[in-house]
Amino acid sequence: MKKLDLTGERFGKWVAVRRSDKATKAKPFWECRCDCGNIVDVFLGSLRCGDSTRCAACHSLWMRESGQARINATKHGMHKSPEYQSWRCAKARCFRPNNHNYPSYGGRGITMCKAWKDDFAAFFKDMGLKPTKKHSLDRIDADGDYGPSNCKWSTMKEQNRNKRNSRGIVLTIDGVDMNVWDAMELFGTTVSYPAVVGRLKRGWDHKEAVTYDARKAHSGAAVRKKVDRSTVVLLIVGKTMSIKDAVSHFGNVVSYASALGRIRRGWDHKKAVSTPTRKKRENKA
């Protein structure tokens, strides 16, 4: 996979210079230059979602000039809560063009109602706490905006069912129409959703696409039954014999596996079992 190259791209007041020396695969950092001249290593995720747009010195100056420090002084005490993070990330998807999800949200015209956009407290009053850690902010209508009438806390499974690319795929199994997720839940399949969709695109039968588990089909004895050496019969000098017997007859100058491989590659039967392998010839010498 080609490495991401952000050289020269702008993120607020940051301009990406090069991939940082301290970057790892798990934690990618980029060396960025602020418009004021400061050079700092910035976490890639903070750049792409818009959390970091300037150096600390410029941020302090902006806070003083804009009065944002006074606004933040009145805290609701939930800045580190999962609900606040959901609200903040939803705003970033809608209003920050440098957010990597912006094309699928703000770029399509998806926005957030004014009451929520300007006030987390209003968002929290309407949505309340997440039922569990597995729930996240979801829009009922995937083409609608973020607002009280179109949002709910949903599990990942519920969100996947509501994605634009999962709607409209209808399966007919045993005469019953259902979507992919319902079919997977009905049959308790262990196959992933992308794998099922890929099978359907390749023309698989609907039921088989959902129920066939390649891992089980190719595990244990189902992978390959052990070949009975006495069942493979050769014709050598007018006589029929198994590979095992033929190898023994010619003095075991070649192993059973090598003889079988040669026969599969089209060797003459007698040469396959009587021609010594390189190791056998070296040992003989």
C-alpha atoms as a PDB file:
ATOM      1  CA  MET A   1       0.000   0.000   0.000  1.00  0.00           C
ATOM      2  CA  LYS A   2       1.334   3.434  -0.956  1.00  0.00           C
ATOM      3  CA  LYS A   3       2.212   5.612   2.048  1.00  0.00           C
ATOM      4  CA  LEU A   4       0.132   8.721   2.624  1.00  0.00           C
ATOM      5  CA  ASP A   5       1.962  11.849   1.410  1.00  0.00           C
ATOM      6  CA  LEU A   6       0.740  15.123   2.926  1.00  0.00           C
ATOM      7  CA  THR A   7       3.796  17.185   1.955  1.00  0.00           C
ATOM      8  CA  GLY A   8       2.734  20.764   1.239  1.00  0.00           C
ATOM      9  CA  GLU A   9      -0.881  20.300   2.375  1.00  0.00           C
ATOM     10  CA  ARG A  10      -2.368  22.961   4.642  1.00  0.00           C
ATOM     11  CA  PHE A  11      -4.321  22.276   7.840  1.00  0.00           C
ATOM     12  CA  GLY A  12      -5.396  25.637   9.239  1.00  0.00           C
ATOM     13  CA  LYS A  13      -2.114  27.450   9.955  1.00  0.00           C
ATOM     14  CA  TRP A  14      -0.128  24.219   9.683  1.00  0.00           C
ATOM     15  CA  VAL A  15       1.692  23.216   6.478  1.00  0.00           C
ATOM     16  CA  ALA A  16       2.893  19.602   6.403  1.00  0.00           C
ATOM     17  CA  VAL A  17       6.644  19.443   5.729  1.00  0.00           C
ATOM     18  CA  ARG A  18       7.511  15.747   5.966  1.00  0.00           C
ATOM     19  CA  ARG A  19       6.761  12.549   7.859  1.00  0.00           C
ATOM     20  CA  SER A  20       8.257  12.856  11.347  1.00  0.00           C
ATOM     21  CA  ASP A  21      11.239  10.729  12.378  1.00  0.00           C
ATOM     22  CA  LYS A  22       9.345   9.610  15.480  1.00  0.00           C
ATOM     23  CA  ALA A  23       6.378   8.373  13.442  1.00  0.00           C
ATOM     24  CA  THR A  24       5.416   4.708  13.678  1.00  0.00           C
ATOM     25  CA  LYS A  25       2.809   2.645  11.851  1.00  0.00           C
ATOM     26  CA  ALA A  26       0.546   2.786  14.921  1.00  0.00           C
ATOM     27  CA  LYS A  27       1.183   6.477  15.665  1.00  0.00           C
ATOM     28  CA  PRO A  28       1.869   8.496  12.508  1.00  0.00           C
ATOM     29  CA  PHE A  29       3.256  11.996  13.131  1.00  0.00           C
ATOM     30  CA  TRP A  30       4.004  14.734  10.610  1.00  0.00           C
ATOM     31  CA  GLU A  31       6.485  17.543  10.960  1.00  0.00           C
ATOM     32  CA  CYS A  32       4.469  20.722  10.373  1.00  0.00           C
ATOM     33  CA  ARG A  33       5.398  24.402  10.075  1.00  0.00           C
ATOM     34  CA  CYS A  34       3.023  26.994  11.536  1.00  0.00           C
ATOM     35  CA  ASP A  35       2.529  30.330   9.731  1.00  0.00           C
ATOM     36  CA  CYS A  36       4.444  31.962  12.607  1.00  0.00           C
ATOM     37  CA  GLY A  37       7.485  29.790  11.827  1.00  0.00           C
ATOM     38  CA  ASN A  38       7.254  27.234  14.641  1.00  0.00           C
ATOM     39  CA  ILE A  39       7.940  23.631  13.591  1.00  0.00           C
ATOM     40  CA  VAL A  40       6.179  20.894  15.569  1.00  0.00           C
ATOM     41  CA  ASP A  41       5.515  17.157  15.199  1.00  0.00           C
ATOM     42  CA  VAL A  42       1.727  16.775  15.004  1.00  0.00           C
ATOM     43  CA  PHE A  43      -0.298  13.558  15.261  1.00  0.00           C
ATOM     44  CA  LEU A  44      -1.859  12.704  11.886  1.00  0.00           C
ATOM     45  CA  GLY A  45      -5.304  12.049  13.393  1.00  0.00           C
ATOM     46  CA  SER A  46      -5.348  15.532  14.972  1.00  0.00           C
ATOM     47  CA  LEU A  47      -4.518  17.108  11.618  1.00  0.00           C
ATOM     48  CA  ARG A  48      -7.110  15.234   9.600  1.00  0.00           C
ATOM     49  CA  CYS A  49     -10.040  15.711  12.004  1.00  0.00           C
ATOM     50  CA  GLY A  50      -9.189  19.371  12.633  1.00  0.00           C
ATOM     51  CA  ASP A  51      -8.214  19.096  16.316  1.00  0.00           C
ATOM     52  CA  SER A  52      -4.887  20.784  15.628  1.00  0.00           C
ATOM     53  CA  THR A  53      -4.797  23.819  13.330  1.00  0.00           C
ATOM     54  CA  ARG A  54      -2.009  25.973  14.833  1.00  0.00           C
ATOM     55  CA  CYS A  55       0.917  25.908  17.250  1.00  0.00           C
ATOM     56  CA  ALA A  56       0.460  26.538  20.989  1.00  0.00           C
ATOM     57  CA  ALA A  57       1.696  30.149  20.758  1.00  0.00           C
ATOM     58  CA  CYS A  58      -0.753  31.034  17.970  1.00  0.00           C
ATOM     59  CA  HIS A  59      -3.557  29.228  19.785  1.00  0.00           C
ATOM     60  CA  SER A  60      -2.962  31.263  22.969  1.00  0.00           C
ATOM     61  CA  LEU A  61      -2.977  34.474  20.947  1.00  0.00           C
ATOM     62  CA  TRP A  62      -6.226  33.454  19.228  1.00  0.00           C
ATOM     63  CA  MET A  63      -7.821  32.651  22.594  1.00  0.00           C
ATOM     64  CA  ARG A  64      -6.955  36.099  23.958  1.00  0.00           C
ATOM     65  CA  GLU A  65      -8.067  37.973  20.869  1.00  0.00           C
ATOM     66  CA  SER A  66     -11.332  36.099  20.324  1.00  0.00           C
ATOM     67  CA  GLY A  67     -12.396  35.901  23.946  1.00  0.00           C
ATOM     68  CA  GLN A  68     -12.623  32.133  23.613  1.00  0.00           C
ATOM     69  CA  ALA A  69     -10.813  31.755  26.941  1.00  0.00           C
ATOM     70  CA  ARG A  70     -13.696  33.482  28.738  1.00  0.00           C
ATOM     71  CA  ILE A  71     -16.214  31.275  26.916  1.00  0.00           C
ATOM     72  CA  ASN A  72     -14.330  28.116  27.894  1.00  0.00           C
ATOM     73  CA  ALA A  73     -14.085  29.324  31.483  1.00  0.00           C
ATOM     74  CA  THR A  74     -17.770  28.391  31.899  1.00  0.00           C
ATOM     75  CA  LYS A  75     -17.402  24.646  31.580  1.00  0.00           C
ATOM     76  CA  HIS A  76     -20.130  22.031  31.592  1.00  0.00           C
ATOM     77  CA  GLY A  77     -17.636  19.485  32.901  1.00  0.00           C
ATOM     78  CA  MET A  78     -18.144  17.024  30.017  1.00  0.00           C
ATOM     79  CA  HIS A  79     -15.272  17.854  27.654  1.00  0.00           C
ATOM     80  CA  LYS A  80     -13.807  14.383  28.125  1.00  0.00           C
ATOM     81  CA  SER A  81     -17.106  12.510  27.993  1.00  0.00           C
ATOM     82  CA  PRO A  82     -17.958  10.172  25.075  1.00  0.00           C
ATOM     83  CA  GLU A  83     -21.089  12.242  24.402  1.00  0.00           C
ATOM     84  CA  TYR A  84     -19.010  15.394  23.945  1.00  0.00           C
ATOM     85  CA  GLN A  85     -16.597  13.567  21.636  1.00  0.00           C
ATOM     86  CA  SER A  86     -19.516  12.318  19.503  1.00  0.00           C
ATOM     87  CA  TRP A  87     -20.873  15.874  19.217  1.00  0.00           C
ATOM     88  CA  ARG A  88     -17.443  17.325  18.398  1.00  0.00           C
ATOM     89  CA  CYS A  89     -16.676  14.696  15.741  1.00  0.00           C
ATOM     90  CA  ALA A  90     -20.099  15.132  14.129  1.00  0.00           C
ATOM     91  CA  LYS A  91     -19.449  18.872  13.848  1.00  0.00           C
ATOM     92  CA  ALA A  92     -16.037  18.223  12.319  1.00  0.00           C
ATOM     93  CA  ARG A  93     -17.552  15.928   9.684  1.00  0.00           C
ATOM     94  CA  CYS A  94     -20.055  18.609   8.729  1.00  0.00           C
ATOM     95  CA  PHE A  95     -18.082  21.858   8.934  1.00  0.00           C
ATOM     96  CA  ARG A  96     -14.358  21.145   8.558  1.00  0.00           C
ATOM     97  CA  PRO A  97     -13.287  20.572   4.928  1.00  0.00           C
ATOM     98  CA  ASN A  98      -9.932  19.180   6.101  1.00  0.00           C
ATOM     99  CA  ASN A  99     -11.677  16.373   8.011  1.00  0.00           C
ATOM    100  CA  HIS A 100     -11.174  13.091   6.098  1.00  0.00           C
ATOM    101  CA  ASN A 101     -14.916  12.281   6.427  1.00  0.00           C
ATOM    102  CA  TYR A 102     -16.066  15.700   5.191  1.00  0.00           C
ATOM    103  CA  PRO A 103     -16.737  14.561   1.561  1.00  0.00           C
ATOM    104  CA  SER A 104     -19.338  12.047   2.832  1.00  0.00           C
ATOM    105  CA  TYR A 105     -21.019  14.561   5.159  1.00  0.00           C
ATOM    106  CA  GLY A 106     -20.484  18.311   4.726  1.00  0.00           C
ATOM    107  CA  GLY A 107     -19.444  17.723   1.133  1.00  0.00           C
ATOM    108  CA  ARG A 108     -22.871  16.152   0.455  1.00  0.00           C
ATOM    109  CA  GLY A 109     -24.710  18.988   2.179  1.00  0.00           C
ATOM    110  CA  ILE A 110     -25.163  17.250   5.543  1.00  0.00           C
ATOM    111  CA  THR A 111     -25.171  19.833   8.343  1.00  0.00           C
ATOM    112  CA  MET A 112     -26.120  20.180  12.024  1.00  0.00           C
ATOM    113  CA  CYS A 113     -29.057  22.143  13.383  1.00  0.00           C
ATOM    114  CA  LYS A 114     -28.154  25.601  14.744  1.00  0.00           C
ATOM    115  CA  ALA A 115     -29.183  24.753  18.314  1.00  0.00           C
ATOM    116  CA  TRP A 116     -26.754  21.838  18.450  1.00  0.00           C
ATOM    117  CA  LYS A 117     -23.962  23.449  16.458  1.00  0.00           C
ATOM    118  CA  ASP A 118     -23.610  26.354  18.895  1.00  0.00           C
ATOM    119  CA  ASP A 119     -24.325  24.559  22.163  1.00  0.00           C
ATOM    120  CA  PHE A 120     -23.252  21.131  23.420  1.00  0.00           C
ATOM    121  CA  ALA A 121     -25.639  21.475  26.360  1.00  0.00           C
ATOM    122  CA  ALA A 122     -28.576  21.587  23.929  1.00  0.00           C
ATOM    123  CA  PHE A 123     -27.272  18.469  22.192  1.00  0.00           C
ATOM    124  CA  PHE A 124     -26.868  16.631  25.492  1.00  0.00           C
ATOM    125  CA  LYS A 125     -30.342  17.685  26.679  1.00  0.00           C
ATOM    126  CA  ASP A 126     -31.891  16.130  23.551  1.00  0.00           C
ATOM    127  CA  MET A 127     -29.721  13.015  23.296  1.00  0.00           C
ATOM    128  CA  GLY A 128     -28.823  12.191  26.895  1.00  0.00           C
ATOM    129  CA  LEU A 129     -26.161   9.673  27.891  1.00  0.00           C
ATOM    130  CA  LYS A 130     -25.040   6.841  25.649  1.00  0.00           C
ATOM    131  CA  PRO A 131     -26.847   3.607  26.656  1.00  0.00           C
ATOM    132  CA  THR A 132     -23.536   1.686  26.488  1.00  0.00           C
ATOM    133  CA  LYS A 133     -19.966   2.174  25.300  1.00  0.00           C
ATOM    134  CA  LYS A 134     -20.889   0.292  22.118  1.00  0.00           C
ATOM    135  CA  HIS A 135     -23.395   2.981  21.068  1.00  0.00           C
ATOM    136  CA  SER A 136     -22.523   5.954  18.878  1.00  0.00           C
ATOM    137  CA  LEU A 137     -24.344   8.877  17.282  1.00  0.00           C
ATOM    138  CA  ASP A 138     -26.452   7.778  14.312  1.00  0.00           C
ATOM    139  CA  ARG A 139     -28.779   9.549  11.888  1.00  0.00           C
ATOM    140  CA  ILE A 140     -32.091   7.788  11.241  1.00  0.00           C
ATOM    141  CA  ASP A 141     -32.179   9.161   7.706  1.00  0.00           C
ATOM    142  CA  ALA A 142     -28.653   8.732   6.332  1.00  0.00           C
ATOM    143  CA  ASP A 143     -29.304  11.618   3.927  1.00  0.00           C
ATOM    144  CA  GLY A 144     -30.670  13.926   6.643  1.00  0.00           C
ATOM    145  CA  ASP A 145     -28.974  16.420   8.960  1.00  0.00           C
ATOM    146  CA  TYR A 146     -27.880  16.073  12.572  1.00  0.00           C
ATOM    147  CA  GLY A 147     -30.796  17.194  14.722  1.00  0.00           C
ATOM    148  CA  PRO A 148     -33.133  16.037  17.535  1.00  0.00           C
ATOM    149  CA  SER A 149     -35.673  14.448  15.168  1.00  0.00           C
ATOM    150  CA  ASN A 150     -33.113  12.560  13.074  1.00  0.00           C
ATOM    151  CA  CYS A 151     -30.564  11.253  15.598  1.00  0.00           C
ATOM    152  CA  LYS A 152     -30.341   8.380  18.046  1.00  0.00           C
ATOM    153  CA  TRP A 153     -27.720   6.316  19.835  1.00  0.00           C
ATOM    154  CA  SER A 154     -27.132   3.114  17.856  1.00  0.00           C
ATOM    155  CA  THR A 155     -24.892   0.067  18.031  1.00  0.00           C
ATOM    156  CA  MET A 156     -22.424  -0.607  15.220  1.00  0.00           C
ATOM    157  CA  LYS A 157     -24.708  -3.321  13.824  1.00  0.00           C
ATOM    158  CA  GLU A 158     -27.642  -0.897  13.675  1.00  0.00           C
ATOM    159  CA  GLN A 159     -25.491   1.766  12.030  1.00  0.00           C
ATOM    160  CA  ASN A 160     -24.192  -0.673   9.426  1.00  0.00           C
ATOM    161  CA  ARG A 161     -27.766  -1.540   8.466  1.00  0.00           C
ATOM    162  CA  ASN A 162     -28.477   2.147   7.948  1.00  0.00           C
ATOM    163  CA  LYS A 163     -25.457   2.899   5.744  1.00  0.00           C
ATOM    164  CA  ARG A 164     -26.149   4.134   2.231  1.00  0.00           C
ATOM    165  CA  ASN A 165     -24.169   1.280   0.666  1.00  0.00           C
ATOM    166  CA  SER A 166     -26.102  -1.399   2.580  1.00  0.00           C
ATOM    167  CA  ARG A 167     -29.610  -0.229   1.716  1.00  0.00           C
ATOM    168  CA  GLY A 168     -31.288  -1.565  -1.374  1.00  0.00           C
ATOM    169  CA  ILE A 169     -29.547  -4.965  -1.250  1.00  0.00           C
ATOM    170  CA  VAL A 170     -32.418  -7.434  -0.930  1.00  0.00           C
ATOM    171  CA  LEU A 171     -31.889 -11.196  -0.670  1.00  0.00           C
ATOM    172  CA  THR A 172     -34.493 -13.848  -1.382  1.00  0.00           C
ATOM    173  CA  ILE A 173     -33.894 -16.931   0.772  1.00  0.00           C
ATOM    174  CA  ASP A 174     -36.449 -19.753   0.944  1.00  0.00           C
ATOM    175  CA  GLY A 175     -39.015 -17.429  -0.609  1.00  0.00           C
ATOM    176  CA  VAL A 176     -38.530 -14.656   1.974  1.00  0.00           C
ATOM    177  CA  ASP A 177     -37.099 -11.210   1.133  1.00  0.00           C
ATOM    178  CA  MET A 178     -34.646  -9.718   3.641  1.00  0.00           C
ATOM    179  CA  ASN A 179     -31.606  -7.465   3.767  1.00  0.00           C
ATOM    180  CA  VAL A 180     -28.067  -8.768   4.187  1.00  0.00           C
ATOM    181  CA  TRP A 181     -27.787  -7.946   7.892  1.00  0.00           C
ATOM    182  CA  ASP A 182     -31.082  -9.674   8.752  1.00  0.00           C
ATOM    183  CA  ALA A 183     -30.011 -12.741   6.782  1.00  0.00           C
ATOM    184  CA  MET A 184     -26.650 -12.864   8.554  1.00  0.00           C
ATOM    185  CA  GLU A 185     -28.369 -12.604  11.938  1.00  0.00           C
ATOM    186  CA  LEU A 186     -30.972 -15.228  11.016  1.00  0.00           C
ATOM    187  CA  PHE A 187     -28.372 -17.836  10.018  1.00  0.00           C
ATOM    188  CA  GLY A 188     -25.829 -16.853  12.661  1.00  0.00           C
ATOM    189  CA  THR A 189     -23.159 -16.507  10.006  1.00  0.00           C
ATOM    190  CA  THR A 190     -19.537 -15.840  10.945  1.00  0.00           C
ATOM    191  CA  VAL A 191     -18.750 -14.414   7.506  1.00  0.00           C
ATOM    192  CA  SER A 192     -18.139 -10.663   7.376  1.00  0.00           C
ATOM    193  CA  TYR A 193     -20.577  -8.287   5.677  1.00  0.00           C
ATOM    194  CA  PRO A 194     -18.064  -7.248   2.956  1.00  0.00           C
ATOM    195  CA  ALA A 195     -17.406 -10.929   2.191  1.00  0.00           C
ATOM    196  CA  VAL A 196     -21.117 -11.620   1.753  1.00  0.00           C
ATOM    197  CA  VAL A 197     -21.600  -8.581  -0.505  1.00  0.00           C
ATOM    198  CA  GLY A 198     -18.564  -9.620  -2.549  1.00  0.00           C
ATOM    199  CA  ARG A 199     -20.031 -13.083  -3.060  1.00  0.00           C
ATOM    200  CA  LEU A 200     -23.353 -11.618  -4.179  1.00  0.00           C
ATOM    201  CA  LYS A 201     -21.575  -9.411  -6.725  1.00  0.00           C
ATOM    202  CA  ARG A 202     -19.837 -12.507  -8.084  1.00  0.00           C
ATOM    203  CA  GLY A 203     -23.205 -14.201  -8.603  1.00  0.00           C
ATOM    204  CA  TRP A 204     -23.383 -16.571  -5.616  1.00  0.00           C
ATOM    205  CA  ASP A 205     -26.654 -18.088  -4.567  1.00  0.00           C
ATOM    206  CA  HIS A 206     -28.170 -15.820  -1.886  1.00  0.00           C
ATOM    207  CA  LYS A 207     -28.391 -18.459   0.846  1.00  0.00           C
ATOM    208  CA  GLU A 208     -24.972 -19.913   0.136  1.00  0.00           C
ATOM    209  CA  ALA A 209     -23.407 -16.425   0.138  1.00  0.00           C
ATOM    210  CA  VAL A 210     -24.621 -15.934   3.709  1.00  0.00           C
ATOM    211  CA  THR A 211     -24.157 -19.423   5.154  1.00  0.00           C
ATOM    212  CA  TYR A 212     -20.981 -20.806   3.532  1.00  0.00           C
ATOM    213  CA  ASP A 213     -18.008 -20.617   5.917  1.00  0.00           C
ATOM    214  CA  ALA A 214     -14.787 -21.304   4.037  1.00  0.00           C
ATOM    215  CA  ARG A 215     -12.817 -21.751   7.262  1.00  0.00           C
ATOM    216  CA  LYS A 216     -15.011 -24.620   8.418  1.00  0.00           C
ATOM    217  CA  ALA A 217     -15.166 -26.131   4.950  1.00  0.00           C
ATOM    218  CA  HIS A 218     -11.373 -26.212   4.766  1.00  0.00           C
ATOM    219  CA  SER A 219     -10.588 -27.285   8.321  1.00  0.00           C
ATOM    220  CA  GLY A 220      -9.501 -30.687   9.597  1.00  0.00           C
ATOM    221  CA  ALA A 221     -10.296 -33.663   7.400  1.00  0.00           C
ATOM    222  CA  ALA A 222     -12.144 -31.474   4.907  1.00  0.00           C
ATOM    223  CA  VAL A 223      -8.929 -29.794   3.761  1.00  0.00           C
ATOM    224  CA  ARG A 224      -7.441 -32.802   2.071  1.00  0.00           C
ATOM    225  CA  LYS A 225      -7.885 -36.454   2.823  1.00  0.00           C
ATOM    226  CA  LYS A 226      -4.631 -38.309   3.269  1.00  0.00           C
ATOM    227  CA  VAL A 227      -3.782 -40.240   0.138  1.00  0.00           C
ATOM    228  CA  ASP A 228      -3.688 -43.995   0.582  1.00  0.00           C
ATOM    229  CA  ARG A 229      -0.393 -44.913  -1.028  1.00  0.00           C
ATOM    230  CA  SER A 230      -1.753 -48.269  -2.169  1.00  0.00           C
ATOM    231  CA  THR A 231      -4.552 -46.730  -4.223  1.00  0.00           C
ATOM    232  CA  VAL A 232      -2.339 -45.006  -6.825  1.00  0.00           C
ATOM    233  CA  VAL A 233      -1.534 -47.633  -9.451  1.00  0.00           C
ATOM    234  CA  LEU A 234       1.294 -47.427 -11.985  1.00  0.00           C
ATOM    235  CA  LEU A 235       1.958 -49.434 -15.131  1.00  0.00           C
ATOM    236  CA  ILE A 236       5.661 -50.347 -15.263  1.00  0.00           C
ATOM    237  CA  VAL A 237       7.101 -52.902 -17.673  1.00  0.00           C
ATOM    238  CA  GLY A 238       3.681 -54.402 -18.268  1.00  0.00           C
ATOM    239  CA  LYS A 239       2.927 -54.784 -14.547  1.00  0.00           C
ATOM    240  CA  THR A 240       0.614 -52.772 -12.325  1.00  0.00           C
ATOM    241  CA  MET A 241       1.790 -51.760  -8.870  1.00  0.00           C
ATOM    242  CA  SER A 242       1.256 -48.962  -6.375  1.00  0.00           C
ATOM    243  CA  ILE A 243       3.710 -46.088  -6.090  1.00  0.00           C
ATOM    244  CA  LYS A 244       4.728 -47.364  -2.693  1.00  0.00           C
ATOM    245  CA  ASP A 245       5.531 -50.834  -4.074  1.00  0.00           C
ATOM    246  CA  ALA A 246       7.236 -49.382  -7.166  1.00  0.00           C
ATOM    247  CA  VAL A 247       9.518 -47.153  -5.059  1.00  0.00           C
ATOM    248  CA  SER A 248      10.420 -50.154  -2.909  1.00  0.00           C
ATOM    249  CA  HIS A 249      10.968 -52.347  -5.995  1.00  0.00           C
ATOM    250  CA  PHE A 250      13.592 -49.924  -7.382  1.00  0.00           C
ATOM    251  CA  GLY A 251      15.514 -49.712  -4.102  1.00  0.00           C
ATOM    252  CA  ASN A 252      13.925 -46.623  -2.513  1.00  0.00           C
ATOM    253  CA  VAL A 253      16.160 -44.263  -4.489  1.00  0.00           C
ATOM    254  CA  VAL A 254      13.412 -41.683  -4.362  1.00  0.00           C
ATOM    255  CA  SER A 255      10.847 -40.826  -1.723  1.00  0.00           C
ATOM    256  CA  TYR A 256       7.137 -41.467  -2.179  1.00  0.00           C
ATOM    257  CA  ALA A 257       6.398 -37.707  -2.199  1.00  0.00           C
ATOM    258  CA  SER A 258       9.010 -37.011  -4.887  1.00  0.00           C
ATOM    259  CA  ALA A 259       7.756 -39.881  -7.053  1.00  0.00           C
ATOM    260  CA  LEU A 260       4.160 -38.678  -6.728  1.00  0.00           C
ATOM    261  CA  GLY A 261       5.183 -35.123  -7.609  1.00  0.00           C
ATOM    262  CA  ARG A 262       7.018 -36.317 -10.699  1.00  0.00           C
ATOM    263  CA  ILE A 263       4.040 -38.352 -11.881  1.00  0.00           C
ATOM    264  CA  ARG A 264       1.757 -35.331 -11.438  1.00  0.00           C
ATOM    265  CA  ARG A 265       4.179 -33.316 -13.575  1.00  0.00           C
ATOM    266  CA  GLY A 266       3.943 -35.913 -16.366  1.00  0.00           C
ATOM    267  CA  TRP A 267       7.077 -38.012 -15.818  1.00  0.00           C
ATOM    268  CA  ASP A 268       7.299 -41.531 -17.246  1.00  0.00           C
ATOM    269  CA  HIS A 269       6.196 -43.932 -14.495  1.00  0.00           C
ATOM    270  CA  LYS A 270       9.396 -45.965 -14.434  1.00  0.00           C
ATOM    271  CA  LYS A 271      11.689 -42.917 -14.442  1.00  0.00           C
ATOM    272  CA  ALA A 272       9.610 -41.309 -11.716  1.00  0.00           C
ATOM    273  CA  VAL A 273      10.287 -44.134  -9.250  1.00  0.00           C
ATOM    274  CA  SER A 274      13.786 -45.228 -10.392  1.00  0.00           C
ATOM    275  CA  THR A 275      15.668 -41.936 -10.903  1.00  0.00           C
ATOM    276  CA  PRO A 276      17.476 -40.991  -7.677  1.00  0.00           C
ATOM    277  CA  THR A 277      16.941 -37.506  -6.277  1.00  0.00           C
ATOM    278  CA  ARG A 278      19.914 -35.181  -5.889  1.00  0.00           C
ATOM    279  CA  LYS A 279      20.326 -35.989  -2.202  1.00  0.00           C
ATOM    280  CA  LYS A 280      20.188 -39.716  -2.837  1.00  0.00           C
ATOM    281  CA  ARG A 281      22.867 -39.392  -5.537  1.00  0.00           C
ATOM    282  CA  GLU A 282      25.126 -37.312  -3.289  1.00  0.00           C
ATOM    283  CA  ASN A 283      24.795 -39.771  -0.409  1.00  0.00           C
ATOM    284  CA  LYS A 284      25.606 -42.655  -2.738  1.00  0.00           C
ATOM    285  CA  ALA A 285      28.753 -40.881  -3.914  1.00  0.00           C
END
